Amino acid sequence: MIITNIESVPGMRIKAQCGLVSGSTVRAKNAIKDFGAGLKNFVGGELKSYTELLTEARNEAINRMIEQAKKLRANAVINVRFATSSITAGAAEVYAYGTAVEVEKIEG
């Protein structure tokens, strides 16, 4: 499955548009990691546990989007975007969406 955040796939043409596809996940913070991150706020630096949490959430949202695209018989998703929102204190949603398409190589 080709995934891109641009409107086309270089070297390929869009044969068919299959529709909008999306995937989301809601993740909560781990209380122990949250305590450690709180301490990190005092000294500064990257909150690695949160970086890992968001990376996992983005990957899960992408995988769910891909599964939806496969059901539509697409072989690519273009114009992929991400959105995040706070659900409750300590939990956030990561949402991935794009346009599922069928692409083919340009002959010539």
N, C-alpha and C. Protein backbone atom coordinates (compact mmCIF):
# COMPACT_ATOMS: atom_id res chain seq x y z
N MET A 1 0.87 -1.18 0.00
CA MET A 1 0.00 0.00 0.00
C MET A 1 0.90 1.22 0.00
N ILE A 2 0.67 2.10 -0.96
CA ILE A 2 1.41 3.36 -1.04
C ILE A 2 0.68 4.39 -0.18
N ILE A 3 1.39 5.06 0.71
CA ILE A 3 0.83 6.10 1.56
C ILE A 3 1.63 7.37 1.32
N THR A 4 0.94 8.45 0.99
CA THR A 4 1.63 9.72 0.74
C THR A 4 0.79 10.90 1.20
N ASN A 5 1.47 11.97 1.55
CA ASN A 5 0.74 13.17 1.97
C ASN A 5 0.62 14.18 0.84
N ILE A 6 0.96 13.79 -0.38
CA ILE A 6 0.78 14.67 -1.54
C ILE A 6 -0.43 14.20 -2.36
N GLU A 7 -0.80 14.97 -3.37
CA GLU A 7 -2.03 14.71 -4.12
C GLU A 7 -1.92 13.64 -5.18
N SER A 8 -0.73 13.12 -5.39
CA SER A 8 -0.54 12.10 -6.42
C SER A 8 0.63 11.22 -6.02
N VAL A 9 0.86 10.18 -6.82
CA VAL A 9 2.01 9.31 -6.62
C VAL A 9 2.93 9.51 -7.82
N PRO A 10 4.12 10.03 -7.62
CA PRO A 10 5.02 10.28 -8.75
C PRO A 10 5.23 9.02 -9.60
N GLY A 11 5.14 9.20 -10.92
CA GLY A 11 5.32 8.09 -11.84
C GLY A 11 4.10 7.21 -12.02
N MET A 12 3.00 7.59 -11.38
CA MET A 12 1.77 6.80 -11.47
C MET A 12 0.60 7.73 -11.75
N ARG A 13 -0.43 7.15 -12.34
CA ARG A 13 -1.65 7.93 -12.56
C ARG A 13 -2.77 7.31 -11.75
N ILE A 14 -3.71 8.15 -11.35
CA ILE A 14 -4.86 7.68 -10.59
C ILE A 14 -5.86 7.08 -11.57
N LYS A 15 -6.12 5.81 -11.40
CA LYS A 15 -7.05 5.08 -12.24
C LYS A 15 -8.48 5.21 -11.72
N ALA A 16 -8.62 5.18 -10.39
CA ALA A 16 -9.94 5.28 -9.77
C ALA A 16 -9.82 5.85 -8.37
N GLN A 17 -10.81 6.64 -8.00
CA GLN A 17 -10.91 7.14 -6.63
C GLN A 17 -11.87 6.24 -5.88
N CYS A 18 -11.43 5.70 -4.75
CA CYS A 18 -12.24 4.75 -4.00
C CYS A 18 -13.00 5.38 -2.84
N GLY A 19 -12.54 6.52 -2.36
CA GLY A 19 -13.25 7.20 -1.29
C GLY A 19 -12.36 7.60 -0.13
N LEU A 20 -12.95 8.32 0.79
CA LEU A 20 -12.25 8.78 1.99
C LEU A 20 -12.05 7.59 2.93
N VAL A 21 -10.86 7.47 3.47
CA VAL A 21 -10.58 6.43 4.46
C VAL A 21 -9.97 7.08 5.70
N SER A 22 -10.17 6.43 6.83
CA SER A 22 -9.63 6.99 8.07
C SER A 22 -9.35 5.89 9.07
N GLY A 23 -8.58 6.23 10.06
CA GLY A 23 -8.30 5.34 11.17
C GLY A 23 -8.02 6.17 12.39
N SER A 24 -8.43 5.69 13.54
CA SER A 24 -8.16 6.45 14.76
C SER A 24 -7.90 5.51 15.92
N THR A 25 -7.30 6.07 16.94
CA THR A 25 -7.09 5.35 18.19
C THR A 25 -7.08 6.37 19.32
N VAL A 26 -7.52 5.95 20.47
CA VAL A 26 -7.48 6.79 21.67
C VAL A 26 -6.52 6.12 22.64
N ARG A 27 -5.55 6.87 23.07
CA ARG A 27 -4.54 6.34 23.98
C ARG A 27 -4.53 7.14 25.28
N ALA A 28 -4.30 6.42 26.37
CA ALA A 28 -4.20 7.06 27.69
C ALA A 28 -2.77 6.97 28.18
N LYS A 29 -2.40 7.93 28.99
CA LYS A 29 -1.06 7.94 29.56
C LYS A 29 -0.95 6.91 30.68
N ASN A 30 0.23 6.33 30.81
CA ASN A 30 0.55 5.41 31.90
C ASN A 30 0.87 6.26 33.13
N ALA A 31 0.26 5.97 34.26
CA ALA A 31 0.43 6.79 35.47
C ALA A 31 1.89 6.87 35.92
N ILE A 32 2.63 5.77 35.82
CA ILE A 32 4.04 5.78 36.25
C ILE A 32 4.87 6.63 35.29
N LYS A 33 4.65 6.44 33.98
CA LYS A 33 5.38 7.24 33.00
C LYS A 33 4.98 8.71 33.10
N ASP A 34 3.71 8.96 33.44
CA ASP A 34 3.23 10.33 33.60
C ASP A 34 3.93 11.01 34.76
N PHE A 35 4.17 10.29 35.84
CA PHE A 35 4.89 10.85 36.98
C PHE A 35 6.31 11.23 36.58
N GLY A 36 6.97 10.31 35.84
CA GLY A 36 8.34 10.58 35.37
C GLY A 36 8.39 11.76 34.42
N ALA A 37 7.38 11.89 33.58
CA ALA A 37 7.32 13.01 32.64
C ALA A 37 7.11 14.32 33.40
N GLY A 38 6.34 14.25 34.48
CA GLY A 38 6.13 15.44 35.30
C GLY A 38 7.43 15.93 35.91
N LEU A 39 8.26 14.99 36.34
CA LEU A 39 9.58 15.37 36.88
C LEU A 39 10.46 15.97 35.79
N LYS A 40 10.36 15.45 34.58
CA LYS A 40 11.15 15.95 33.45
C LYS A 40 10.79 17.40 33.13
N ASN A 41 9.55 17.80 33.41
CA ASN A 41 9.13 19.18 33.16
C ASN A 41 9.97 20.18 33.95
N PHE A 42 10.48 19.77 35.11
CA PHE A 42 11.27 20.67 35.93
C PHE A 42 12.65 20.93 35.34
N VAL A 43 13.23 19.91 34.71
CA VAL A 43 14.60 20.05 34.19
C VAL A 43 14.66 20.27 32.69
N GLY A 44 13.56 20.03 32.00
CA GLY A 44 13.51 20.22 30.55
C GLY A 44 13.96 18.99 29.80
N GLY A 45 13.76 19.00 28.51
CA GLY A 45 14.16 17.89 27.65
C GLY A 45 12.97 17.17 27.05
N GLU A 46 13.27 16.20 26.21
CA GLU A 46 12.23 15.44 25.53
C GLU A 46 11.53 14.49 26.49
N LEU A 47 10.23 14.41 26.37
CA LEU A 47 9.43 13.47 27.15
C LEU A 47 9.30 12.20 26.30
N LYS A 48 10.31 11.34 26.39
CA LYS A 48 10.41 10.18 25.50
C LYS A 48 9.22 9.23 25.63
N SER A 49 8.67 9.09 26.82
CA SER A 49 7.53 8.19 26.97
C SER A 49 6.32 8.70 26.18
N TYR A 50 6.14 10.02 26.11
CA TYR A 50 5.05 10.59 25.32
C TYR A 50 5.34 10.49 23.83
N THR A 51 6.60 10.68 23.45
CA THR A 51 6.98 10.53 22.05
C THR A 51 6.67 9.12 21.57
N GLU A 52 7.02 8.12 22.38
CA GLU A 52 6.74 6.73 22.04
C GLU A 52 5.24 6.48 21.97
N LEU A 53 4.49 7.03 22.91
CA LEU A 53 3.04 6.86 22.94
C LEU A 53 2.41 7.41 21.66
N LEU A 54 2.82 8.60 21.25
CA LEU A 54 2.25 9.21 20.04
C LEU A 54 2.69 8.48 18.78
N THR A 55 3.91 7.99 18.75
CA THR A 55 4.38 7.21 17.60
C THR A 55 3.55 5.94 17.45
N GLU A 56 3.32 5.25 18.56
CA GLU A 56 2.48 4.04 18.53
C GLU A 56 1.06 4.38 18.08
N ALA A 57 0.53 5.47 18.57
CA ALA A 57 -0.83 5.87 18.22
C ALA A 57 -0.93 6.22 16.73
N ARG A 58 0.04 6.95 16.19
CA ARG A 58 0.03 7.27 14.76
C ARG A 58 0.10 6.01 13.92
N ASN A 59 0.97 5.08 14.31
CA ASN A 59 1.10 3.83 13.57
C ASN A 59 -0.20 3.03 13.58
N GLU A 60 -0.85 2.97 14.72
CA GLU A 60 -2.13 2.25 14.82
C GLU A 60 -3.19 2.92 13.95
N ALA A 61 -3.26 4.24 13.98
CA ALA A 61 -4.24 4.96 13.15
C ALA A 61 -3.97 4.73 11.66
N ILE A 62 -2.71 4.73 11.25
CA ILE A 62 -2.35 4.47 9.85
C ILE A 62 -2.75 3.06 9.47
N ASN A 63 -2.45 2.08 10.32
CA ASN A 63 -2.79 0.70 10.02
C ASN A 63 -4.29 0.51 9.86
N ARG A 64 -5.08 1.18 10.67
CA ARG A 64 -6.54 1.08 10.56
C ARG A 64 -7.02 1.75 9.27
N MET A 65 -6.39 2.85 8.90
CA MET A 65 -6.73 3.53 7.64
C MET A 65 -6.41 2.62 6.45
N ILE A 66 -5.25 1.95 6.49
CA ILE A 66 -4.85 1.04 5.42
C ILE A 66 -5.84 -0.11 5.30
N GLU A 67 -6.27 -0.67 6.41
CA GLU A 67 -7.25 -1.77 6.37
C GLU A 67 -8.54 -1.32 5.70
N GLN A 68 -8.96 -0.11 5.98
CA GLN A 68 -10.17 0.42 5.35
C GLN A 68 -9.96 0.59 3.84
N ALA A 69 -8.78 1.07 3.46
CA ALA A 69 -8.46 1.25 2.03
C ALA A 69 -8.44 -0.10 1.31
N LYS A 70 -7.89 -1.13 1.95
CA LYS A 70 -7.85 -2.47 1.34
C LYS A 70 -9.26 -2.99 1.07
N LYS A 71 -10.18 -2.72 1.99
CA LYS A 71 -11.56 -3.16 1.81
C LYS A 71 -12.20 -2.49 0.58
N LEU A 72 -11.71 -1.32 0.23
CA LEU A 72 -12.21 -0.60 -0.95
C LEU A 72 -11.43 -0.97 -2.21
N ARG A 73 -10.49 -1.92 -2.06
CA ARG A 73 -9.63 -2.39 -3.16
C ARG A 73 -8.71 -1.31 -3.71
N ALA A 74 -8.30 -0.40 -2.85
CA ALA A 74 -7.34 0.63 -3.22
C ALA A 74 -5.93 0.08 -3.08
N ASN A 75 -4.99 0.67 -3.82
CA ASN A 75 -3.59 0.28 -3.65
C ASN A 75 -2.73 1.47 -3.21
N ALA A 76 -3.40 2.59 -2.91
CA ALA A 76 -2.69 3.77 -2.41
C ALA A 76 -3.65 4.65 -1.63
N VAL A 77 -3.09 5.44 -0.73
CA VAL A 77 -3.86 6.48 -0.03
C VAL A 77 -3.07 7.76 -0.19
N ILE A 78 -3.72 8.76 -0.78
CA ILE A 78 -3.06 10.04 -1.03
C ILE A 78 -3.64 11.12 -0.11
N ASN A 79 -2.93 12.25 -0.05
CA ASN A 79 -3.35 13.38 0.78
C ASN A 79 -3.57 13.00 2.24
N VAL A 80 -2.70 12.15 2.78
CA VAL A 80 -2.85 11.69 4.16
C VAL A 80 -2.57 12.83 5.12
N ARG A 81 -3.42 12.96 6.10
CA ARG A 81 -3.30 13.99 7.14
C ARG A 81 -3.53 13.35 8.51
N PHE A 82 -3.06 14.05 9.54
CA PHE A 82 -3.26 13.61 10.92
C PHE A 82 -3.94 14.71 11.71
N ALA A 83 -4.73 14.31 12.67
CA ALA A 83 -5.34 15.26 13.61
C ALA A 83 -5.26 14.62 14.99
N THR A 84 -5.14 15.45 15.99
CA THR A 84 -5.16 14.95 17.37
C THR A 84 -6.16 15.78 18.17
N SER A 85 -6.73 15.15 19.16
CA SER A 85 -7.64 15.88 20.04
C SER A 85 -7.60 15.25 21.42
N SER A 86 -7.82 16.07 22.40
CA SER A 86 -7.87 15.60 23.78
C SER A 86 -9.27 15.06 24.05
N ILE A 87 -9.35 13.85 24.56
CA ILE A 87 -10.64 13.23 24.85
C ILE A 87 -11.05 13.51 26.30
N THR A 88 -10.15 13.21 27.22
CA THR A 88 -10.34 13.52 28.64
C THR A 88 -8.96 13.84 29.19
N ALA A 89 -8.88 14.19 30.44
CA ALA A 89 -7.58 14.42 31.06
C ALA A 89 -6.78 13.11 30.99
N GLY A 90 -5.65 13.16 30.33
CA GLY A 90 -4.79 11.99 30.25
C GLY A 90 -5.04 11.07 29.06
N ALA A 91 -5.99 11.41 28.17
CA ALA A 91 -6.25 10.58 27.00
C ALA A 91 -6.41 11.45 25.76
N ALA A 92 -5.86 10.97 24.65
CA ALA A 92 -5.93 11.73 23.40
C ALA A 92 -6.23 10.81 22.24
N GLU A 93 -6.89 11.35 21.23
CA GLU A 93 -7.17 10.62 20.00
C GLU A 93 -6.20 11.05 18.93
N VAL A 94 -5.70 10.10 18.15
CA VAL A 94 -4.93 10.38 16.95
C VAL A 94 -5.77 9.85 15.79
N TYR A 95 -6.00 10.69 14.80
CA TYR A 95 -6.87 10.40 13.67
C TYR A 95 -6.06 10.58 12.40
N ALA A 96 -6.04 9.57 11.54
CA ALA A 96 -5.37 9.65 10.24
C ALA A 96 -6.43 9.51 9.16
N TYR A 97 -6.32 10.32 8.10
CA TYR A 97 -7.31 10.22 7.03
C TYR A 97 -6.68 10.61 5.69
N GLY A 98 -7.28 10.13 4.64
CA GLY A 98 -6.80 10.41 3.30
C GLY A 98 -7.78 9.89 2.27
N THR A 99 -7.37 9.96 1.00
CA THR A 99 -8.21 9.50 -0.10
C THR A 99 -7.65 8.20 -0.64
N ALA A 100 -8.45 7.15 -0.60
CA ALA A 100 -8.04 5.86 -1.14
C ALA A 100 -8.21 5.89 -2.66
N VAL A 101 -7.18 5.45 -3.37
CA VAL A 101 -7.22 5.45 -4.82
C VAL A 101 -6.60 4.17 -5.37
N GLU A 102 -6.90 3.90 -6.62
CA GLU A 102 -6.21 2.84 -7.34
C GLU A 102 -5.28 3.54 -8.32
N VAL A 103 -4.01 3.23 -8.24
CA VAL A 103 -3.03 3.85 -9.13
C VAL A 103 -2.38 2.80 -10.00
N GLU A 104 -1.85 3.26 -11.15
CA GLU A 104 -1.12 2.37 -12.05
C GLU A 104 0.05 3.15 -12.61
N LYS A 105 1.11 2.42 -13.00
CA LYS A 105 2.31 3.04 -13.57
C LYS A 105 1.98 3.73 -14.88
N ILE A 106 2.62 4.86 -15.10
CA ILE A 106 2.47 5.56 -16.37
C ILE A 106 3.35 4.86 -17.40
N GLU A 107 2.76 4.45 -18.47
CA GLU A 107 3.50 3.77 -19.55
C GLU A 107 4.29 4.80 -20.34
N GLY A 108 5.46 4.43 -20.77
CA GLY A 108 6.18 5.34 -21.64
C GLY A 108 7.55 5.56 -21.33
